[in-house]
Amino acid sequence: ICACLVGSEMCIRDRYMKAINCITFFLLITLKAQTQNVMTSSPYSMFGIGELESGLYGQNAAMGGVSYGMRNSTLINIENPAGLTALDSKRLLTELSIFAKNESYTSGSSSNQAFTGSFSALMLGGRVIPRWYMAVSLTPYSSVGYYFHSSQPIEGAPHESYAAAFTGSGGISKVSWSNAYLLSQHWSLGANISYLFGNIVLSEQQSDLVVEKRMHARSLYANLGIQYHRALTHDMSYTWGVVYGYRQKLNITNRKYIVNDKTQDKKKQKSQKQSLPQYFGIGGAVQYKKCTYAMDYAFQQYSSLTSVDSRIKFRDVNECRIGICYFPNGYPSDSFWKRVAYKTGVNISNSYMEINGNPGFSLRLNAGLSLPVFRGRIDAAVFYDRTQLRKGALNRDVVGITVSFALNEIFYKGKLK
């Protein structure tokens, strides 16, 4: 009996040491990522809280980003946290995502092109106790990155102008604690508690004068998800899911610095109020033999964001995502290509930004592979993203690649009842 107790204690100790090591690694990567955040090079990221980021991480990036009805034993689904209840109960999973993209913008007679790339997400998840699953994650929410020159009219002298250089950097990141509970054989409930934070620096330089605006943003946020899953036959099953996130205020503290070659003037400006959009989403997935078909619809109330520029207006977004995955599901002894999953998808929506009364649309095409590696998989996807506003107000073309590394570690030596 004593030997069994000692063995059990050592097993528990090893289990917790693995968890502590993984969490420590997560925190180190988090701190490293915050100092090297280069997410975009868009002149339109200077408006609002920057350019909203999506589709740059996760195993389903190649499937148009479908998520609300998705669940499997290796998918850390933070978009609908209810899907976490499908995770392998014996393993602790870690997923790291990176991306690279080439961006091209045209607006009227001006154009801009740049290449960017960075870390895009880190997630850690697994089962805590029977029926209760948990994950922690770090993902981008918005980003700011631009540099351009422009001639500005002098106030009171409309026929005269001065040259100015505009730069911007930073963004808002999101750290989430996700929990899911398996209510029954078919129903799962999940919730994300997120902390949004970040710094944005906007600068304008005129000869020897520099005007710099520094913004610090923070907010606590929560959203919910639910899934229903049922197997109809041995080789056919379906899942549908619903998600909801409420409107939440984002507190932004502003500081303005005016610097010339002799003096520096620091001013604390009135705090700015922005709102994170309320959203609702519904989606489903059908798995039939070796194929998975999925579709999501989302409504996002981006009109709650405010713009300090009269030319810019934010609009509510209706978004549709469609994805297909073919997975031969070969045995470990089969050839490599029988253990590869083939994915493709499309994402279409109206643009969340309107310039000078000109609305538009966004279209993203995706394709990729999920490759088996030792203790995990590598998901690689290429994408083409097109945003177009009316009357040539903005044309945006992006070609890029996302790569996600999903690894797992045996956490429980025996399956818990």
Protein backbone atom coordinates (compact mmCIF):
# COMPACT_ATOMS: atom_id res chain seq x y z
CA ILE A 1 0.00 0.00 0.00
CA CYS A 2 2.80 2.42 0.93
CA ALA A 3 4.56 1.71 -2.37
CA CYS A 4 1.38 2.50 -4.29
CA LEU A 5 0.93 5.77 -2.40
CA VAL A 6 4.54 6.80 -3.04
CA GLY A 7 4.19 5.93 -6.72
CA SER A 8 0.95 7.90 -6.98
CA GLU A 9 2.53 10.92 -5.27
CA MET A 10 5.51 10.86 -7.64
CA CYS A 11 3.16 10.60 -10.64
CA ILE A 12 1.20 13.65 -9.47
CA ARG A 13 4.44 15.54 -8.80
CA ASP A 14 5.74 14.78 -12.31
CA ARG A 15 2.39 15.83 -13.78
CA TYR A 16 2.47 19.22 -12.07
CA MET A 17 6.12 19.78 -12.96
CA LYS A 18 5.23 19.31 -16.63
CA ALA A 19 2.43 21.83 -16.29
CA ILE A 20 4.67 24.36 -14.52
CA ASN A 21 7.38 23.99 -17.18
CA CYS A 22 4.84 24.55 -19.98
CA ILE A 23 3.35 27.61 -18.27
CA THR A 24 6.84 29.06 -17.69
CA PHE A 25 7.65 28.57 -21.36
CA PHE A 26 4.33 30.25 -22.26
CA LEU A 27 5.15 33.32 -20.14
CA LEU A 28 8.67 33.66 -21.59
CA ILE A 29 7.34 33.53 -25.15
CA THR A 30 4.63 36.05 -24.21
CA LEU A 31 7.17 38.59 -22.96
CA LYS A 32 9.39 38.02 -25.99
CA ALA A 33 6.48 38.48 -28.39
CA GLN A 34 5.44 41.79 -26.89
CA THR A 35 8.83 43.31 -27.70
CA GLN A 36 8.85 42.11 -31.32
CA ASN A 37 5.32 42.80 -32.53
CA VAL A 38 5.35 43.76 -36.24
CA MET A 39 1.92 42.77 -37.49
CA THR A 40 1.13 45.16 -40.34
CA SER A 41 2.42 47.98 -42.54
CA SER A 42 -0.85 49.68 -43.44
CA PRO A 43 -1.35 53.48 -43.55
CA TYR A 44 -4.97 52.87 -42.56
CA SER A 45 -3.93 51.34 -39.25
CA MET A 46 -3.57 54.92 -37.97
CA PHE A 47 -7.35 55.13 -37.44
CA GLY A 48 -9.22 53.93 -34.35
CA ILE A 49 -7.32 51.22 -32.46
CA GLY A 50 -5.48 50.01 -35.55
CA GLU A 51 -6.06 47.27 -38.07
CA LEU A 52 -8.11 44.40 -36.63
CA GLU A 53 -6.31 41.06 -36.92
CA SER A 54 -7.89 37.72 -37.78
CA GLY A 55 -7.07 34.53 -39.67
CA LEU A 56 -3.34 34.60 -38.87
CA TYR A 57 -3.24 31.64 -36.52
CA GLY A 58 -4.71 28.23 -35.75
CA GLN A 59 -5.10 24.83 -37.35
CA ASN A 60 -8.17 26.00 -39.28
CA ALA A 61 -6.58 29.05 -40.92
CA ALA A 62 -6.48 27.07 -44.18
CA MET A 63 -10.24 26.43 -43.89
CA GLY A 64 -11.24 30.09 -43.94
CA GLY A 65 -10.98 30.33 -40.16
CA VAL A 66 -14.10 28.22 -39.44
CA SER A 67 -14.34 27.53 -35.71
CA TYR A 68 -17.82 27.71 -34.15
CA GLY A 69 -18.71 24.08 -34.94
CA MET A 70 -15.18 22.65 -34.98
CA ARG A 71 -13.86 20.15 -32.44
CA ASN A 72 -11.27 17.37 -32.39
CA SER A 73 -8.73 15.83 -30.03
CA THR A 74 -5.88 18.21 -30.97
CA LEU A 75 -7.74 21.49 -31.69
CA ILE A 76 -7.38 24.25 -29.07
CA ASN A 77 -10.53 26.13 -30.09
CA ILE A 78 -10.55 29.50 -28.32
CA GLU A 79 -13.02 31.06 -30.78
CA ASN A 80 -15.70 28.75 -29.40
CA PRO A 81 -14.25 27.52 -26.08
CA ALA A 82 -16.97 24.85 -25.80
CA GLY A 83 -14.96 22.89 -28.39
CA LEU A 84 -12.18 22.31 -25.84
CA THR A 85 -14.12 19.35 -24.42
CA ALA A 86 -13.02 17.28 -27.43
CA LEU A 87 -9.32 17.51 -26.47
CA ASP A 88 -7.39 14.33 -25.75
CA SER A 89 -7.93 13.73 -22.03
CA LYS A 90 -4.41 12.33 -21.51
CA ARG A 91 -2.38 15.07 -23.18
CA LEU A 92 -1.29 18.64 -22.64
CA LEU A 93 -1.27 20.46 -26.01
CA THR A 94 0.75 23.48 -27.07
CA GLU A 95 0.33 25.44 -30.29
CA LEU A 96 2.55 28.21 -31.66
CA SER A 97 1.69 30.20 -34.80
CA ILE A 98 3.75 32.52 -36.99
CA PHE A 99 3.00 34.34 -40.23
CA ALA A 100 4.58 36.29 -43.08
CA LYS A 101 2.76 38.45 -45.64
CA ASN A 102 3.34 40.91 -48.44
CA GLU A 103 0.92 43.86 -48.39
CA SER A 104 0.08 46.20 -51.27
CA TYR A 105 -2.16 49.26 -50.95
CA THR A 106 -3.43 51.78 -53.49
CA SER A 107 -5.63 54.78 -52.80
CA GLY A 108 -6.19 57.27 -55.59
CA SER A 109 -2.77 58.00 -57.10
CA SER A 110 -0.74 56.88 -54.08
CA SER A 111 0.48 53.38 -53.28
CA ASN A 112 2.36 51.51 -50.58
CA GLN A 113 3.95 48.07 -50.37
CA ALA A 114 5.65 46.26 -47.50
CA PHE A 115 6.62 42.82 -46.19
CA THR A 116 5.84 41.93 -42.57
CA GLY A 117 5.96 38.84 -40.40
CA SER A 118 5.83 37.91 -36.75
CA PHE A 119 4.64 35.61 -34.00
CA SER A 120 0.82 35.50 -34.13
CA ALA A 121 -0.45 33.19 -31.37
CA LEU A 122 0.51 30.90 -28.53
CA MET A 123 -1.97 28.49 -26.93
CA LEU A 124 -1.78 25.85 -24.21
CA GLY A 125 -4.68 23.53 -23.33
CA GLY A 126 -5.83 20.24 -21.87
CA ARG A 127 -8.15 18.54 -19.40
CA VAL A 128 -7.93 19.56 -15.74
CA ILE A 129 -10.34 17.06 -14.16
CA PRO A 130 -13.10 14.90 -15.65
CA ARG A 131 -15.52 17.09 -17.66
CA TRP A 132 -13.50 20.30 -17.07
CA TYR A 133 -11.07 21.54 -19.76
CA MET A 134 -8.89 24.63 -19.77
CA ALA A 135 -6.66 26.66 -22.10
CA VAL A 136 -4.58 29.84 -21.94
CA SER A 137 -3.65 31.85 -25.02
CA LEU A 138 -1.98 34.98 -26.33
CA THR A 139 -3.32 36.37 -29.63
CA PRO A 140 -3.29 39.74 -31.44
CA TYR A 141 -6.42 41.90 -31.43
CA SER A 142 -5.29 44.89 -33.48
CA SER A 143 -2.03 46.32 -34.81
CA VAL A 144 -0.59 49.63 -35.92
CA GLY A 145 2.31 49.99 -38.34
CA TYR A 146 2.92 52.68 -40.96
CA TYR A 147 5.42 55.23 -42.26
CA PHE A 148 4.72 57.79 -44.98
CA HIS A 149 5.36 61.40 -46.04
CA SER A 150 2.64 63.93 -46.81
CA SER A 151 2.20 67.64 -47.51
CA GLN A 152 -0.17 69.39 -45.10
CA PRO A 153 -1.75 72.86 -45.64
CA ILE A 154 -0.74 75.61 -43.24
CA GLU A 155 -3.66 76.83 -41.14
CA GLY A 156 -4.65 80.35 -42.25
CA ALA A 157 -2.61 80.07 -45.45
CA PRO A 158 -4.40 77.60 -47.75
CA HIS A 159 -1.95 78.10 -50.65
CA GLU A 160 1.08 77.14 -48.55
CA SER A 161 2.00 73.72 -47.16
CA TYR A 162 4.66 71.95 -45.15
CA ALA A 163 6.18 68.47 -45.43
CA ALA A 164 5.53 66.01 -42.61
CA ALA A 165 6.50 62.42 -41.84
CA PHE A 166 3.95 60.19 -40.13
CA THR A 167 4.84 57.00 -38.26
CA GLY A 168 2.89 54.59 -36.08
CA SER A 169 3.65 51.40 -34.19
CA GLY A 170 2.25 49.06 -31.56
CA GLY A 171 -1.10 47.40 -31.14
CA ILE A 172 -3.41 45.60 -28.75
CA SER A 173 -2.88 42.02 -27.59
CA LYS A 174 -5.29 39.63 -25.89
CA VAL A 175 -4.48 37.14 -23.14
CA SER A 176 -7.33 34.67 -22.58
CA TRP A 177 -8.20 32.09 -19.97
CA SER A 178 -10.62 29.61 -21.54
CA ASN A 179 -12.74 27.10 -19.66
CA ALA A 180 -15.11 24.42 -20.95
CA TYR A 181 -17.38 21.96 -19.23
CA LEU A 182 -18.85 18.80 -20.72
CA LEU A 183 -22.49 19.04 -19.63
CA SER A 184 -23.55 15.72 -21.14
CA GLN A 185 -22.63 13.31 -23.91
CA HIS A 186 -23.74 15.85 -26.52
CA TRP A 187 -23.65 19.33 -24.91
CA SER A 188 -20.63 21.48 -24.00
CA LEU A 189 -20.44 24.98 -22.52
CA GLY A 190 -17.42 27.28 -22.61
CA ALA A 191 -16.28 30.78 -21.66
CA ASN A 192 -13.29 33.03 -22.31
CA ILE A 193 -12.10 35.62 -19.81
CA SER A 194 -9.69 37.94 -21.62
CA TYR A 195 -7.47 40.85 -20.74
CA LEU A 196 -6.72 43.25 -23.60
CA PHE A 197 -3.70 45.50 -23.31
CA GLY A 198 -1.23 47.35 -25.48
CA ASN A 199 0.58 50.54 -26.38
CA ILE A 200 0.18 52.57 -29.57
CA VAL A 201 2.54 55.36 -30.59
CA LEU A 202 1.55 57.85 -33.32
CA SER A 203 4.12 60.42 -34.41
CA GLU A 204 4.22 63.42 -36.75
CA GLN A 205 7.54 65.12 -37.57
CA GLN A 206 7.78 68.61 -39.10
CA SER A 207 11.33 69.80 -39.65
CA ASP A 208 12.76 70.11 -36.09
CA LEU A 209 9.38 69.62 -34.38
CA VAL A 210 8.00 66.21 -33.36
CA VAL A 211 4.46 65.70 -32.08
CA GLU A 212 4.03 62.27 -30.52
CA LYS A 213 0.84 60.71 -29.15
CA ARG A 214 1.16 57.68 -26.89
CA MET A 215 -1.88 55.57 -26.04
CA HIS A 216 -2.13 52.83 -23.44
CA ALA A 217 -5.20 50.59 -23.79
CA ARG A 218 -6.62 48.02 -21.38
CA SER A 219 -9.87 46.18 -20.77
CA LEU A 220 -11.31 43.03 -19.19
CA TYR A 221 -13.58 41.08 -21.51
CA ALA A 222 -15.61 37.85 -21.58
CA ASN A 223 -17.45 35.82 -24.20
CA LEU A 224 -19.43 32.56 -24.19
CA GLY A 225 -19.81 29.53 -26.45
CA ILE A 226 -21.89 26.38 -26.66
CA GLN A 227 -21.67 23.26 -28.83
CA TYR A 228 -23.91 20.29 -29.58
CA HIS A 229 -22.24 17.20 -31.03
CA ARG A 230 -23.82 13.93 -32.20
CA ALA A 231 -22.62 10.89 -34.13
CA LEU A 232 -25.26 9.63 -36.57
CA THR A 233 -23.42 6.59 -37.88
CA HIS A 234 -19.98 5.05 -37.57
CA ASP A 235 -18.55 7.38 -40.23
CA MET A 236 -20.82 10.43 -39.97
CA SER A 237 -21.26 13.06 -37.24
CA TYR A 238 -22.21 16.70 -36.95
CA THR A 239 -21.60 19.63 -34.58
CA TRP A 240 -23.18 23.04 -34.33
CA GLY A 241 -22.10 25.90 -32.12
CA VAL A 242 -23.12 29.39 -31.03
CA VAL A 243 -20.90 32.17 -29.61
CA TYR A 244 -21.69 35.56 -28.09
CA GLY A 245 -19.55 38.46 -26.91
CA TYR A 246 -21.01 41.57 -25.32
CA ARG A 247 -20.02 45.18 -25.94
CA GLN A 248 -17.28 46.27 -23.54
CA LYS A 249 -15.58 49.61 -23.00
CA LEU A 250 -11.87 49.85 -23.80
CA ASN A 251 -10.06 52.37 -21.61
CA ILE A 252 -7.39 54.35 -23.44
CA THR A 253 -5.04 56.75 -21.65
CA ASN A 254 -3.48 59.42 -23.90
CA ARG A 255 -0.25 61.36 -23.46
CA LYS A 256 1.00 63.94 -25.93
CA TYR A 257 4.64 64.97 -26.32
CA ILE A 258 5.80 68.01 -28.27
CA VAL A 259 9.56 68.03 -28.83
CA ASN A 260 11.81 70.48 -30.67
CA ASP A 261 15.57 70.89 -30.69
CA LYS A 262 15.51 72.77 -27.35
CA THR A 263 12.50 71.78 -25.23
CA GLN A 264 10.07 68.96 -24.56
CA ASP A 265 6.48 69.57 -23.49
CA LYS A 266 4.49 66.68 -22.01
CA LYS A 267 0.71 66.85 -21.76
CA LYS A 268 -1.72 64.31 -20.32
CA GLN A 269 -4.84 64.37 -22.43
CA LYS A 270 -8.35 63.33 -21.56
CA SER A 271 -8.85 59.54 -21.56
CA GLN A 272 -10.40 58.24 -24.76
CA LYS A 273 -13.32 55.81 -24.72
CA GLN A 274 -13.58 53.06 -27.30
CA SER A 275 -15.86 50.03 -27.28
CA LEU A 276 -15.02 46.47 -28.20
CA PRO A 277 -17.76 45.33 -30.57
CA GLN A 278 -20.65 43.13 -29.57
CA TYR A 279 -20.79 40.04 -31.76
CA PHE A 280 -22.86 36.92 -32.38
CA GLY A 281 -21.90 33.85 -34.35
CA ILE A 282 -23.36 30.51 -35.36
CA GLY A 283 -21.77 27.67 -37.27
CA GLY A 284 -21.76 23.97 -37.94
CA ALA A 285 -19.58 21.16 -39.18
CA VAL A 286 -20.38 17.78 -40.73
CA GLN A 287 -17.83 14.99 -40.78
CA TYR A 288 -18.59 12.29 -43.36
CA LYS A 289 -16.07 9.51 -43.88
CA LYS A 290 -12.77 11.24 -44.66
CA CYS A 291 -14.10 14.78 -45.22
CA THR A 292 -15.16 17.62 -42.93
CA TYR A 293 -17.42 20.40 -44.21
CA ALA A 294 -17.88 23.53 -42.07
CA MET A 295 -19.52 26.94 -42.30
CA ASP A 296 -19.74 29.94 -39.92
CA TYR A 297 -21.73 33.16 -39.91
CA ALA A 298 -20.79 36.09 -37.67
CA PHE A 299 -22.27 39.52 -37.01
CA GLN A 300 -19.81 42.01 -35.50
CA GLN A 301 -20.94 45.44 -34.33
CA TYR A 302 -17.86 47.46 -35.28
CA SER A 303 -19.97 50.62 -35.53
CA SER A 304 -19.37 50.91 -31.77
CA LEU A 305 -15.77 51.97 -32.55
CA THR A 306 -15.33 55.74 -32.80
CA SER A 307 -13.09 57.62 -35.22
CA VAL A 308 -11.45 60.99 -34.57
CA ASP A 309 -11.13 61.50 -38.33
CA SER A 310 -14.27 62.76 -40.11
CA ARG A 311 -13.29 60.82 -43.27
CA ILE A 312 -13.42 57.46 -41.51
CA LYS A 313 -16.53 55.64 -40.35
CA PHE A 314 -16.75 52.13 -38.92
CA ARG A 315 -19.51 49.80 -40.07
CA ASP A 316 -21.13 46.63 -38.73
CA VAL A 317 -19.76 43.49 -40.37
CA ASN A 318 -21.53 40.41 -41.71
CA GLU A 319 -19.04 37.62 -42.30
CA CYS A 320 -19.34 34.12 -43.81
CA ARG A 321 -16.64 31.43 -43.67
CA ILE A 322 -16.65 28.10 -45.50
CA GLY A 323 -14.05 25.36 -45.13
CA ILE A 324 -13.37 21.80 -46.31
CA CYS A 325 -10.85 19.28 -45.00
CA TYR A 326 -9.92 15.91 -46.54
CA PHE A 327 -8.05 13.61 -44.16
CA PRO A 328 -7.16 10.06 -45.30
CA ASN A 329 -6.54 9.30 -41.62
CA GLY A 330 -3.90 6.69 -42.26
CA TYR A 331 -2.34 4.57 -39.54
CA PRO A 332 1.12 5.52 -38.20
CA SER A 333 2.58 2.68 -40.30
CA ASP A 334 1.05 4.07 -43.53
CA SER A 335 2.88 6.30 -45.99
CA PHE A 336 3.46 9.95 -45.11
CA TRP A 337 0.90 11.36 -47.57
CA LYS A 338 -1.88 9.17 -46.17
CA ARG A 339 -1.36 10.91 -42.83
CA VAL A 340 -1.58 14.42 -44.32
CA ALA A 341 -4.79 16.49 -44.15
CA TYR A 342 -5.68 18.70 -47.13
CA LYS A 343 -7.61 21.91 -46.41
CA THR A 344 -9.15 24.83 -48.28
CA GLY A 345 -11.58 27.63 -47.46
CA VAL A 346 -13.00 31.05 -48.22
CA ASN A 347 -13.94 34.02 -46.05
CA ILE A 348 -16.09 36.90 -47.33
CA SER A 349 -17.43 39.96 -45.52
CA ASN A 350 -18.18 43.63 -45.93
CA SER A 351 -15.36 45.95 -44.89
CA TYR A 352 -15.49 47.29 -41.32
CA MET A 353 -14.07 50.65 -42.46
CA GLU A 354 -15.71 53.25 -44.70
CA ILE A 355 -13.61 56.08 -46.21
CA ASN A 356 -15.31 59.29 -47.37
CA GLY A 357 -18.65 57.48 -47.54
CA ASN A 358 -17.25 54.61 -49.65
CA PRO A 359 -18.02 51.12 -48.26
CA GLY A 360 -16.48 47.93 -49.59
CA PHE A 361 -15.90 44.20 -49.18
CA SER A 362 -13.18 41.78 -48.11
CA LEU A 363 -12.42 38.37 -49.61
CA ARG A 364 -9.89 35.83 -48.37
CA LEU A 365 -8.96 32.55 -50.11
CA ASN A 366 -7.02 29.87 -48.21
CA ALA A 367 -5.41 26.50 -48.89
CA GLY A 368 -3.02 24.38 -46.88
CA LEU A 369 -1.76 21.09 -45.47
CA SER A 370 -1.63 19.54 -42.01
CA LEU A 371 1.56 17.50 -41.76
CA PRO A 372 2.34 14.85 -39.13
CA VAL A 373 5.46 15.33 -37.03
CA PHE A 374 6.81 13.69 -33.91
CA ARG A 375 4.25 14.24 -31.11
CA GLY A 376 2.14 16.65 -33.10
CA ARG A 377 1.40 18.31 -36.44
CA ILE A 378 2.47 21.30 -38.53
CA ASP A 379 -0.32 23.23 -40.24
CA ALA A 380 0.83 25.42 -43.14
CA ALA A 381 -1.53 27.62 -45.16
CA VAL A 382 -1.21 30.19 -47.92
CA PHE A 383 -3.78 32.93 -48.29
CA TYR A 384 -4.79 35.76 -50.60
CA ASP A 385 -6.70 38.65 -49.04
CA ARG A 386 -8.46 41.33 -51.08
CA THR A 387 -10.15 44.44 -49.65
CA GLN A 388 -11.74 46.93 -52.04
CA LEU A 389 -13.68 50.12 -51.32
CA ARG A 390 -15.76 51.99 -53.87
CA LYS A 391 -14.35 54.72 -56.15
CA GLY A 392 -10.78 53.56 -55.53
CA ALA A 393 -10.80 54.88 -51.94
CA LEU A 394 -8.77 51.81 -50.96
CA ASN A 395 -7.54 48.66 -52.70
CA ARG A 396 -5.65 46.23 -50.48
CA ASP A 397 -4.01 42.99 -51.67
CA VAL A 398 -2.22 40.65 -49.28
CA VAL A 399 -0.44 37.39 -50.07
CA GLY A 400 0.90 35.46 -47.13
CA ILE A 401 1.56 32.23 -45.28
CA THR A 402 0.69 31.05 -41.78
CA VAL A 403 2.37 28.17 -39.97
CA SER A 404 1.14 26.56 -36.74
CA PHE A 405 3.14 24.04 -34.70
CA ALA A 406 0.90 21.84 -32.54
CA LEU A 407 2.73 19.59 -30.09
CA ASN A 408 1.45 17.42 -27.27
CA GLU A 409 2.87 15.91 -24.14
CA ILE A 410 1.46 12.92 -22.25
CA PHE A 411 0.08 14.42 -19.06
CA TYR A 412 -1.98 11.66 -17.45
CA LYS A 413 -0.45 8.19 -17.24
CA GLY A 414 -3.86 6.62 -16.92
CA LYS A 415 -7.25 7.76 -18.11
CA LEU A 416 -9.40 9.25 -15.36
CA LYS A 417 -12.98 8.13 -15.05
